């Protein structure tokens, strides 16, 4: 069930990004569409990747990888090889960030008495963003563009989008978690 919910949550976050945040960003900043397909200033699905791994552990890598492939193939008109490679890079970045920080599944967030170390989640999310933005922009730069200034621009945009998406996603998740715990307390009383 957790795997299915992770897949659905990522897909919904991606669709919100693609059909709500993407057009707003394009309208406000007049960004070239080709670049926005690869990177955005607010990439909400990154929060789903980090939170899912934190909540359910390494098993979350499977639905994250599959949902990234699914959404990119279905909604971005990306090629199969590019989709698989970029999805693998993003999935590997999640594992690498959590592994390096030593933050493997910290417990059940839905336990009424559980405390969540949001600071650690943000730090790991930042590490994952660095890995993901660097490796993805290198891949895209190597296979699609040869300009080094494009690589720097793309890397910064990936990093910014992941971090801002993580912060927004964390805020949404914190509010949802607070409401859930409040509801549980009311049901118990």
N, C-alpha and C. Protein backbone atom coordinates (compact mmCIF):
# COMPACT_ATOMS: atom_id res chain seq x y z
N UNK A 1 0.83 -1.20 0.00
CA UNK A 1 0.00 0.00 0.00
C UNK A 1 0.87 1.26 0.00
N UNK A 2 1.95 1.25 0.81
CA UNK A 2 2.84 2.41 0.86
C UNK A 2 3.50 2.66 -0.49
N UNK A 3 3.83 1.57 -1.17
CA UNK A 3 4.46 1.70 -2.48
C UNK A 3 3.49 2.34 -3.46
N UNK A 4 2.27 1.88 -3.45
CA UNK A 4 1.24 2.43 -4.34
C UNK A 4 0.99 3.90 -4.02
N UNK A 5 0.89 4.23 -2.73
CA UNK A 5 0.66 5.62 -2.33
C UNK A 5 1.82 6.53 -2.74
N UNK A 6 3.03 6.02 -2.66
CA UNK A 6 4.19 6.80 -3.10
C UNK A 6 4.11 7.07 -4.58
N UNK A 7 3.76 6.05 -5.35
CA UNK A 7 3.61 6.21 -6.80
C UNK A 7 2.54 7.28 -7.10
N UNK A 8 1.40 7.19 -6.44
CA UNK A 8 0.30 8.14 -6.66
C UNK A 8 0.69 9.55 -6.23
N UNK A 9 1.34 9.67 -5.06
CA UNK A 9 1.73 10.99 -4.55
C UNK A 9 2.72 11.66 -5.50
N UNK A 10 3.70 10.92 -5.99
CA UNK A 10 4.66 11.50 -6.93
C UNK A 10 3.97 11.92 -8.21
N UNK A 11 3.09 11.08 -8.72
CA UNK A 11 2.37 11.39 -9.96
C UNK A 11 1.52 12.65 -9.79
N UNK A 12 0.82 12.76 -8.67
CA UNK A 12 -0.01 13.94 -8.43
C UNK A 12 0.87 15.19 -8.31
N UNK A 13 1.98 15.07 -7.57
CA UNK A 13 2.89 16.22 -7.45
C UNK A 13 3.46 16.62 -8.80
N UNK A 14 3.77 15.62 -9.62
CA UNK A 14 4.28 15.92 -10.96
C UNK A 14 3.23 16.63 -11.80
N UNK A 15 2.00 16.14 -11.74
CA UNK A 15 0.93 16.77 -12.52
C UNK A 15 0.65 18.19 -12.04
N UNK A 16 0.68 18.41 -10.73
CA UNK A 16 0.54 19.77 -10.21
C UNK A 16 1.65 20.66 -10.73
N UNK A 17 2.85 20.12 -10.75
CA UNK A 17 3.98 20.88 -11.28
C UNK A 17 3.81 21.18 -12.76
N UNK A 18 3.50 20.15 -13.50
CA UNK A 18 3.42 20.28 -14.97
C UNK A 18 2.29 21.20 -15.43
N UNK A 19 1.13 21.08 -14.80
CA UNK A 19 -0.04 21.80 -15.31
C UNK A 19 -0.44 23.02 -14.49
N UNK A 20 0.19 23.25 -13.33
CA UNK A 20 -0.11 24.44 -12.56
C UNK A 20 1.13 25.31 -12.37
N UNK A 21 2.18 24.74 -11.78
CA UNK A 21 3.38 25.53 -11.49
C UNK A 21 4.18 25.87 -12.74
N UNK A 22 4.31 24.92 -13.64
CA UNK A 22 5.04 25.13 -14.90
C UNK A 22 4.47 26.30 -15.70
N UNK A 23 3.16 26.36 -15.96
CA UNK A 23 2.62 27.50 -16.70
C UNK A 23 2.78 28.83 -15.97
N UNK A 24 2.64 28.83 -14.65
CA UNK A 24 2.82 30.06 -13.88
C UNK A 24 4.27 30.53 -13.99
N UNK A 25 5.20 29.61 -13.82
CA UNK A 25 6.62 29.96 -13.93
C UNK A 25 6.95 30.48 -15.33
N UNK A 26 6.44 29.82 -16.33
CA UNK A 26 6.68 30.24 -17.71
C UNK A 26 6.09 31.62 -17.97
N UNK A 27 4.92 31.89 -17.41
CA UNK A 27 4.25 33.19 -17.59
C UNK A 27 5.02 34.31 -16.87
N UNK A 28 5.44 34.06 -15.65
CA UNK A 28 6.11 35.09 -14.86
C UNK A 28 7.51 35.37 -15.36
N UNK A 29 8.27 34.33 -15.64
CA UNK A 29 9.69 34.49 -15.98
C UNK A 29 9.97 34.41 -17.47
N UNK A 30 8.97 34.12 -18.29
CA UNK A 30 9.13 33.99 -19.73
C UNK A 30 10.30 33.07 -20.07
N UNK A 31 10.27 31.89 -19.49
CA UNK A 31 11.34 30.93 -19.65
C UNK A 31 11.13 30.14 -20.93
N UNK A 32 12.26 29.81 -21.58
CA UNK A 32 12.17 28.97 -22.78
C UNK A 32 11.63 27.60 -22.39
N UNK A 33 10.67 27.13 -23.14
CA UNK A 33 10.01 25.87 -22.79
C UNK A 33 10.96 24.68 -22.79
N UNK A 34 11.93 24.68 -23.69
CA UNK A 34 12.84 23.53 -23.77
C UNK A 34 13.59 23.34 -22.45
N UNK A 35 14.02 24.43 -21.85
CA UNK A 35 14.78 24.35 -20.61
C UNK A 35 13.87 23.99 -19.45
N UNK A 36 12.67 24.53 -19.43
CA UNK A 36 11.74 24.27 -18.32
C UNK A 36 11.36 22.79 -18.27
N UNK A 37 11.34 22.13 -19.42
CA UNK A 37 11.05 20.69 -19.41
C UNK A 37 12.06 19.94 -18.56
N UNK A 38 13.29 20.40 -18.58
CA UNK A 38 14.35 19.73 -17.84
C UNK A 38 14.48 20.21 -16.41
N UNK A 39 14.18 21.47 -16.16
CA UNK A 39 14.37 22.03 -14.83
C UNK A 39 13.36 23.14 -14.58
N UNK A 40 12.97 23.25 -13.34
CA UNK A 40 11.99 24.25 -12.95
C UNK A 40 12.45 24.91 -11.66
N UNK A 41 11.98 26.12 -11.42
CA UNK A 41 12.35 26.82 -10.20
C UNK A 41 11.62 26.31 -8.97
N UNK A 42 10.59 25.50 -9.16
CA UNK A 42 9.84 24.93 -8.03
C UNK A 42 9.38 23.53 -8.42
N UNK A 43 10.19 22.55 -8.07
CA UNK A 43 9.89 21.17 -8.45
C UNK A 43 9.35 20.41 -7.24
N UNK A 44 8.03 20.41 -7.10
CA UNK A 44 7.35 19.82 -5.96
C UNK A 44 7.57 18.30 -5.81
N UNK A 45 7.70 17.54 -6.89
CA UNK A 45 7.93 16.10 -6.72
C UNK A 45 9.19 15.74 -5.92
N UNK A 46 10.15 16.67 -5.85
CA UNK A 46 11.35 16.38 -5.07
C UNK A 46 11.00 16.14 -3.60
N UNK A 47 10.04 16.90 -3.09
CA UNK A 47 9.61 16.71 -1.70
C UNK A 47 9.03 15.32 -1.51
N UNK A 48 8.28 14.84 -2.49
CA UNK A 48 7.70 13.49 -2.39
C UNK A 48 8.81 12.45 -2.34
N UNK A 49 9.84 12.63 -3.16
CA UNK A 49 10.95 11.67 -3.16
C UNK A 49 11.59 11.59 -1.78
N UNK A 50 11.87 12.73 -1.18
CA UNK A 50 12.57 12.76 0.10
C UNK A 50 11.68 12.25 1.22
N UNK A 51 10.46 12.73 1.27
CA UNK A 51 9.54 12.32 2.35
C UNK A 51 9.24 10.82 2.25
N UNK A 52 9.01 10.33 1.03
CA UNK A 52 8.71 8.90 0.87
C UNK A 52 9.87 8.04 1.36
N UNK A 53 11.08 8.42 1.01
CA UNK A 53 12.23 7.62 1.46
C UNK A 53 12.37 7.71 2.98
N UNK A 54 12.14 8.87 3.52
CA UNK A 54 12.24 9.04 4.98
C UNK A 54 11.18 8.21 5.71
N UNK A 55 9.97 8.18 5.16
CA UNK A 55 8.87 7.50 5.83
C UNK A 55 8.94 5.98 5.68
N UNK A 56 9.16 5.50 4.45
CA UNK A 56 9.08 4.04 4.25
C UNK A 56 10.42 3.38 3.97
N UNK A 57 11.48 4.15 3.87
CA UNK A 57 12.80 3.58 3.71
C UNK A 57 13.16 3.27 2.27
N UNK A 58 14.20 2.46 2.08
CA UNK A 58 14.73 2.18 0.74
C UNK A 58 13.73 1.57 -0.24
N UNK A 59 12.69 0.92 0.26
CA UNK A 59 11.68 0.34 -0.64
C UNK A 59 11.00 1.44 -1.46
N UNK A 60 11.07 2.68 -1.00
CA UNK A 60 10.46 3.80 -1.72
C UNK A 60 11.16 4.07 -3.05
N UNK A 61 12.38 3.58 -3.22
CA UNK A 61 13.10 3.83 -4.47
C UNK A 61 12.38 3.22 -5.67
N UNK A 62 11.76 2.08 -5.48
CA UNK A 62 11.05 1.42 -6.59
C UNK A 62 9.88 2.26 -7.11
N UNK A 63 8.92 2.67 -6.25
CA UNK A 63 7.83 3.47 -6.79
C UNK A 63 8.28 4.85 -7.26
N UNK A 64 9.32 5.39 -6.66
CA UNK A 64 9.83 6.68 -7.12
C UNK A 64 10.39 6.55 -8.53
N UNK A 65 11.20 5.53 -8.75
CA UNK A 65 11.76 5.29 -10.08
C UNK A 65 10.65 5.06 -11.10
N UNK A 66 9.70 4.18 -10.76
CA UNK A 66 8.62 3.86 -11.69
C UNK A 66 7.72 5.07 -11.97
N UNK A 67 7.43 5.85 -10.96
CA UNK A 67 6.56 7.02 -11.18
C UNK A 67 7.27 8.09 -11.98
N UNK A 68 8.58 8.23 -11.80
CA UNK A 68 9.33 9.17 -12.63
C UNK A 68 9.32 8.73 -14.09
N UNK A 69 9.53 7.45 -14.31
CA UNK A 69 9.48 6.92 -15.69
C UNK A 69 8.08 7.13 -16.27
N UNK A 70 7.07 6.77 -15.52
CA UNK A 70 5.68 6.88 -15.96
C UNK A 70 5.33 8.32 -16.33
N UNK A 71 5.61 9.25 -15.43
CA UNK A 71 5.22 10.64 -15.69
C UNK A 71 6.02 11.27 -16.82
N UNK A 72 7.30 10.95 -16.90
CA UNK A 72 8.10 11.53 -17.99
C UNK A 72 7.73 10.96 -19.35
N UNK A 73 7.45 9.68 -19.39
CA UNK A 73 7.05 9.09 -20.67
C UNK A 73 5.67 9.56 -21.10
N UNK A 74 4.76 9.64 -20.17
CA UNK A 74 3.37 9.98 -20.49
C UNK A 74 3.13 11.47 -20.70
N UNK A 75 3.76 12.31 -19.88
CA UNK A 75 3.43 13.73 -19.90
C UNK A 75 4.52 14.64 -20.43
N UNK A 76 5.74 14.15 -20.61
CA UNK A 76 6.82 14.99 -21.11
C UNK A 76 7.27 14.63 -22.52
N UNK A 77 6.69 13.61 -23.08
CA UNK A 77 7.09 13.15 -24.41
C UNK A 77 8.60 12.91 -24.50
N UNK A 78 9.16 12.41 -23.42
CA UNK A 78 10.58 12.11 -23.40
C UNK A 78 10.82 10.74 -24.00
N UNK A 79 12.00 10.56 -24.53
CA UNK A 79 12.37 9.27 -25.08
C UNK A 79 12.60 8.25 -23.97
N UNK A 80 12.51 6.99 -24.31
CA UNK A 80 12.63 5.92 -23.32
C UNK A 80 14.01 5.91 -22.66
N UNK A 81 15.06 6.01 -23.46
CA UNK A 81 16.42 5.97 -22.90
C UNK A 81 16.67 7.16 -21.98
N UNK A 82 16.30 8.35 -22.42
CA UNK A 82 16.49 9.54 -21.58
C UNK A 82 15.68 9.43 -20.30
N UNK A 83 14.46 8.96 -20.41
CA UNK A 83 13.59 8.82 -19.23
C UNK A 83 14.19 7.86 -18.22
N UNK A 84 14.61 6.70 -18.69
CA UNK A 84 15.17 5.70 -17.78
C UNK A 84 16.46 6.22 -17.15
N UNK A 85 17.32 6.84 -17.95
CA UNK A 85 18.58 7.35 -17.41
C UNK A 85 18.38 8.45 -16.38
N UNK A 86 17.53 9.43 -16.68
CA UNK A 86 17.29 10.52 -15.74
C UNK A 86 16.55 10.04 -14.49
N UNK A 87 15.65 9.09 -14.67
CA UNK A 87 14.96 8.52 -13.50
C UNK A 87 15.93 7.75 -12.62
N UNK A 88 16.83 7.03 -13.26
CA UNK A 88 17.85 6.30 -12.49
C UNK A 88 18.76 7.27 -11.74
N UNK A 89 19.16 8.35 -12.39
CA UNK A 89 20.02 9.36 -11.75
C UNK A 89 19.32 9.94 -10.53
N UNK A 90 18.05 10.31 -10.69
CA UNK A 90 17.31 10.89 -9.57
C UNK A 90 17.14 9.90 -8.43
N UNK A 91 16.88 8.65 -8.78
CA UNK A 91 16.70 7.61 -7.76
C UNK A 91 18.02 7.33 -7.05
N UNK A 92 19.09 7.26 -7.81
CA UNK A 92 20.41 7.05 -7.21
C UNK A 92 20.77 8.21 -6.29
N UNK A 93 20.44 9.43 -6.68
CA UNK A 93 20.74 10.61 -5.86
C UNK A 93 20.04 10.52 -4.50
N UNK A 94 18.83 10.00 -4.49
CA UNK A 94 18.10 9.85 -3.22
C UNK A 94 18.85 8.88 -2.31
N UNK A 95 19.19 7.73 -2.86
CA UNK A 95 19.91 6.73 -2.06
C UNK A 95 21.24 7.30 -1.57
N UNK A 96 21.98 7.95 -2.45
CA UNK A 96 23.30 8.49 -2.09
C UNK A 96 23.19 9.53 -0.99
N UNK A 97 22.21 10.42 -1.10
CA UNK A 97 22.04 11.45 -0.07
C UNK A 97 21.72 10.87 1.28
N UNK A 98 20.79 9.95 1.32
CA UNK A 98 20.42 9.32 2.59
C UNK A 98 21.56 8.45 3.13
N UNK A 99 22.23 7.77 2.24
CA UNK A 99 23.33 6.91 2.68
C UNK A 99 24.46 7.74 3.27
N UNK A 100 24.82 8.80 2.59
CA UNK A 100 25.91 9.64 3.08
C UNK A 100 25.56 10.29 4.41
N UNK A 101 24.35 10.67 4.58
CA UNK A 101 23.96 11.31 5.84
C UNK A 101 23.68 10.27 6.93
N UNK A 102 23.52 9.02 6.53
CA UNK A 102 23.28 7.97 7.51
C UNK A 102 21.87 8.01 8.08
N UNK A 103 20.97 8.53 7.27
CA UNK A 103 19.59 8.68 7.75
C UNK A 103 18.70 7.67 7.04
N UNK A 104 18.80 6.45 7.47
CA UNK A 104 17.93 5.42 6.91
C UNK A 104 16.71 5.33 7.82
N UNK A 105 15.57 5.25 7.24
CA UNK A 105 14.27 5.22 7.92
C UNK A 105 14.31 5.47 9.43
N UNK A 106 13.78 6.59 9.83
CA UNK A 106 13.82 7.03 11.22
C UNK A 106 12.59 6.66 12.02
N UNK A 107 11.66 5.97 11.49
CA UNK A 107 10.47 5.59 12.24
C UNK A 107 9.22 6.01 11.52
N UNK A 108 8.12 5.71 12.13
CA UNK A 108 6.83 5.98 11.52
C UNK A 108 6.37 7.39 11.84
N UNK A 109 6.24 8.22 10.84
CA UNK A 109 5.81 9.61 11.04
C UNK A 109 4.37 9.71 11.49
N UNK A 110 3.58 8.67 11.27
CA UNK A 110 2.17 8.74 11.60
C UNK A 110 1.88 8.23 13.01
N UNK A 111 2.93 7.92 13.74
CA UNK A 111 2.78 7.60 15.16
C UNK A 111 2.48 8.91 15.88
N UNK A 112 1.45 8.93 16.67
CA UNK A 112 1.00 10.15 17.32
C UNK A 112 2.10 10.76 18.20
N UNK A 113 2.98 9.93 18.75
CA UNK A 113 4.03 10.41 19.64
C UNK A 113 5.37 10.60 18.93
N UNK A 114 5.43 10.30 17.66
CA UNK A 114 6.69 10.39 16.92
C UNK A 114 7.08 11.84 16.72
N UNK A 115 8.37 12.07 16.80
CA UNK A 115 8.88 13.40 16.47
C UNK A 115 9.60 13.30 15.14
N UNK A 116 9.49 14.33 14.38
CA UNK A 116 10.10 14.36 13.06
C UNK A 116 11.25 15.36 13.10
N UNK A 117 12.40 14.92 12.65
CA UNK A 117 13.55 15.81 12.61
C UNK A 117 13.58 16.50 11.25
N UNK A 118 12.84 17.58 11.15
CA UNK A 118 12.70 18.29 9.88
C UNK A 118 14.04 18.83 9.39
N UNK A 119 14.89 19.20 10.33
CA UNK A 119 16.21 19.72 9.95
C UNK A 119 17.01 18.66 9.19
N UNK A 120 16.99 17.43 9.70
CA UNK A 120 17.71 16.35 9.00
C UNK A 120 17.11 16.09 7.63
N UNK A 121 15.80 16.14 7.55
CA UNK A 121 15.15 15.91 6.25
C UNK A 121 15.57 16.98 5.25
N UNK A 122 15.61 18.23 5.69
CA UNK A 122 16.02 19.33 4.80
C UNK A 122 17.48 19.17 4.39
N UNK A 123 18.34 18.79 5.33
CA UNK A 123 19.76 18.62 5.00
C UNK A 123 19.94 17.49 3.98
N UNK A 124 19.27 16.36 4.22
CA UNK A 124 19.36 15.25 3.28
C UNK A 124 18.76 15.64 1.93
N UNK A 125 17.63 16.36 1.97
CA UNK A 125 17.03 16.84 0.73
C UNK A 125 17.97 17.73 -0.05
N UNK A 126 18.73 18.55 0.65
CA UNK A 126 19.71 19.41 0.00
C UNK A 126 20.83 18.58 -0.62
N UNK A 127 21.32 17.57 0.12
CA UNK A 127 22.35 16.67 -0.43
C UNK A 127 21.84 15.97 -1.69
N UNK A 128 20.63 15.45 -1.60
CA UNK A 128 20.03 14.77 -2.76
C UNK A 128 19.91 15.75 -3.93
N UNK A 129 19.52 16.99 -3.64
CA UNK A 129 19.39 18.00 -4.69
C UNK A 129 20.72 18.27 -5.37
N UNK A 130 21.78 18.33 -4.59
CA UNK A 130 23.11 18.55 -5.17
C UNK A 130 23.48 17.40 -6.09
N UNK A 131 23.31 16.17 -5.61
CA UNK A 131 23.61 15.00 -6.45
C UNK A 131 22.74 14.99 -7.70
N UNK A 132 21.44 15.17 -7.50
CA UNK A 132 20.50 15.10 -8.61
C UNK A 132 20.76 16.19 -9.64
N UNK A 133 20.93 17.42 -9.18
CA UNK A 133 21.13 18.53 -10.11
C UNK A 133 22.45 18.39 -10.87
N UNK A 134 23.50 18.00 -10.18
CA UNK A 134 24.80 17.86 -10.83
C UNK A 134 24.80 16.73 -11.85
N UNK A 135 24.33 15.57 -11.43
CA UNK A 135 24.35 14.41 -12.34
C UNK A 135 23.37 14.57 -13.50
N UNK A 136 22.18 15.10 -13.22
CA UNK A 136 21.19 15.28 -14.30
C UNK A 136 21.64 16.32 -15.30
N UNK A 137 22.17 17.43 -14.82
CA UNK A 137 22.61 18.47 -15.76
C UNK A 137 23.83 18.00 -16.55
N UNK A 138 24.71 17.21 -15.92
CA UNK A 138 25.83 16.64 -16.68
C UNK A 138 25.32 15.72 -17.78
N UNK A 139 24.35 14.88 -17.44
CA UNK A 139 23.78 13.97 -18.43
C UNK A 139 23.15 14.75 -19.58
N UNK A 140 22.31 15.70 -19.26
CA UNK A 140 21.62 16.49 -20.29
C UNK A 140 22.63 17.30 -21.10
N UNK A 141 23.60 17.90 -20.44
CA UNK A 141 24.61 18.68 -21.13
C UNK A 141 25.42 17.81 -22.08
N UNK A 142 25.75 16.61 -21.63
CA UNK A 142 26.57 15.72 -22.44
C UNK A 142 25.82 15.20 -23.66
N UNK A 143 24.55 14.84 -23.49
CA UNK A 143 23.82 14.21 -24.57
C UNK A 143 22.99 15.17 -25.42
N UNK A 144 22.65 16.33 -24.89
CA UNK A 144 21.76 17.22 -25.64
C UNK A 144 22.38 18.57 -25.97
N UNK A 145 23.28 19.05 -25.15
CA UNK A 145 23.90 20.35 -25.38
C UNK A 145 25.38 20.23 -25.12
N UNK A 146 26.14 21.12 -25.72
CA UNK A 146 27.58 21.09 -25.48
C UNK A 146 28.07 22.41 -24.90
N UNK A 147 27.19 23.29 -24.51
CA UNK A 147 27.59 24.59 -23.99
C UNK A 147 27.79 24.52 -22.48
N UNK A 148 28.94 24.95 -22.01
CA UNK A 148 29.22 24.89 -20.58
C UNK A 148 28.37 25.89 -19.80
N UNK A 149 28.02 27.04 -20.41
CA UNK A 149 27.18 28.01 -19.70
C UNK A 149 25.77 27.43 -19.51
N UNK A 150 25.31 26.63 -20.45
CA UNK A 150 24.03 25.97 -20.29
C UNK A 150 24.09 24.99 -19.12
N UNK A 151 25.20 24.28 -18.99
CA UNK A 151 25.35 23.33 -17.89
C UNK A 151 25.24 24.03 -16.54
N UNK A 152 25.91 25.13 -16.37
CA UNK A 152 25.86 25.87 -15.10
C UNK A 152 24.45 26.37 -14.85
N UNK A 153 23.82 26.93 -15.87
CA UNK A 153 22.45 27.43 -15.73
C UNK A 153 21.49 26.30 -15.36
N UNK A 154 21.61 25.19 -16.05
CA UNK A 154 20.73 24.06 -15.80
C UNK A 154 20.96 23.48 -14.40
N UNK A 155 22.21 23.37 -14.01
CA UNK A 155 22.54 22.85 -12.68
C UNK A 155 21.94 23.73 -11.59
N UNK A 156 22.07 25.04 -11.71
CA UNK A 156 21.52 25.96 -10.72
C UNK A 156 19.99 25.91 -10.71
N UNK A 157 19.41 25.75 -11.88
CA UNK A 157 17.95 25.69 -11.94
C UNK A 157 17.42 24.40 -11.33
N UNK A 158 18.09 23.29 -11.59
CA UNK A 158 17.73 22.03 -10.95
C UNK A 158 17.83 22.16 -9.43
N UNK A 159 18.95 22.69 -8.97
CA UNK A 159 19.18 22.82 -7.53
C UNK A 159 18.14 23.72 -6.89
N UNK A 160 17.87 24.85 -7.50
CA UNK A 160 16.86 25.79 -6.97
C UNK A 160 15.49 25.14 -6.95
N UNK A 161 15.11 24.49 -8.02
CA UNK A 161 13.80 23.85 -8.11
C UNK A 161 13.62 22.76 -7.07
N UNK A 162 14.66 21.95 -6.89
CA UNK A 162 14.58 20.88 -5.89
C UNK A 162 14.46 21.44 -4.48
N UNK A 163 15.28 22.44 -4.17
CA UNK A 163 15.26 23.00 -2.81
C UNK A 163 13.94 23.71 -2.53
N UNK A 164 13.50 24.57 -3.44
CA UNK A 164 12.23 25.27 -3.22
C UNK A 164 11.06 24.30 -3.21
N UNK A 165 11.10 23.29 -4.06
CA UNK A 165 10.06 22.27 -4.06
C UNK A 165 10.05 21.48 -2.76
N UNK A 166 11.24 21.20 -2.23
CA UNK A 166 11.33 20.49 -0.96
C UNK A 166 10.76 21.34 0.17
N UNK A 167 11.12 22.61 0.21
CA UNK A 167 10.62 23.49 1.28
C UNK A 167 9.10 23.60 1.21
N UNK A 168 8.56 23.84 0.03
CA UNK A 168 7.11 23.93 -0.11
C UNK A 168 6.44 22.60 0.25
N UNK A 169 7.00 21.52 -0.25
CA UNK A 169 6.45 20.20 0.06
C UNK A 169 6.50 19.89 1.54
N UNK A 170 7.59 20.28 2.20
CA UNK A 170 7.71 20.06 3.64
C UNK A 170 6.66 20.87 4.39
N UNK A 171 6.44 22.10 3.97
CA UNK A 171 5.41 22.91 4.63
C UNK A 171 4.03 22.27 4.48
N UNK A 172 3.72 21.83 3.28
CA UNK A 172 2.44 21.16 3.04
C UNK A 172 2.34 19.90 3.88
N UNK A 173 3.41 19.11 3.89
CA UNK A 173 3.42 17.87 4.65
C UNK A 173 3.29 18.12 6.14
N UNK A 174 3.97 19.14 6.65
CA UNK A 174 3.89 19.46 8.08
C UNK A 174 2.47 19.84 8.47
N UNK A 175 1.80 20.63 7.64
CA UNK A 175 0.42 21.01 7.92
C UNK A 175 -0.49 19.79 7.89
N UNK A 176 -0.30 18.93 6.87
CA UNK A 176 -1.11 17.72 6.78
C UNK A 176 -0.87 16.80 7.97
N UNK A 177 0.39 16.65 8.37
CA UNK A 177 0.72 15.79 9.50
C UNK A 177 0.13 16.35 10.79
N UNK A 178 0.21 17.66 10.97
CA UNK A 178 -0.38 18.29 12.15
C UNK A 178 -1.90 18.07 12.19
N UNK A 179 -2.54 18.27 11.06
CA UNK A 179 -4.00 18.05 10.99
C UNK A 179 -4.35 16.60 11.26
N UNK A 180 -3.56 15.67 10.72
CA UNK A 180 -3.79 14.24 10.93
C UNK A 180 -3.66 13.89 12.41
N UNK A 181 -2.59 14.35 13.04
CA UNK A 181 -2.40 14.06 14.46
C UNK A 181 -3.49 14.70 15.31
N UNK A 182 -3.91 15.89 14.96
CA UNK A 182 -4.99 16.57 15.68
C UNK A 182 -6.30 15.78 15.53
N UNK A 183 -6.56 15.30 14.33
CA UNK A 183 -7.76 14.51 14.07
C UNK A 183 -7.74 13.21 14.87
N UNK A 184 -6.57 12.54 14.92
CA UNK A 184 -6.43 11.30 15.68
C UNK A 184 -6.68 11.56 17.16
N UNK A 185 -6.14 12.62 17.68
CA UNK A 185 -6.38 12.95 19.10
C UNK A 185 -7.87 13.17 19.38
N UNK A 186 -8.54 13.84 18.47
CA UNK A 186 -9.97 14.08 18.64
C UNK A 186 -10.79 12.80 18.55
N UNK A 187 -10.39 11.90 17.67
CA UNK A 187 -11.10 10.63 17.52
C UNK A 187 -10.92 9.77 18.78
N UNK A 188 -9.72 9.80 19.34
CA UNK A 188 -9.45 9.02 20.55
C UNK A 188 -10.21 9.55 21.76
N UNK A 189 -10.48 10.83 21.79
CA UNK A 189 -11.18 11.42 22.95
C UNK A 189 -12.64 11.40 22.78
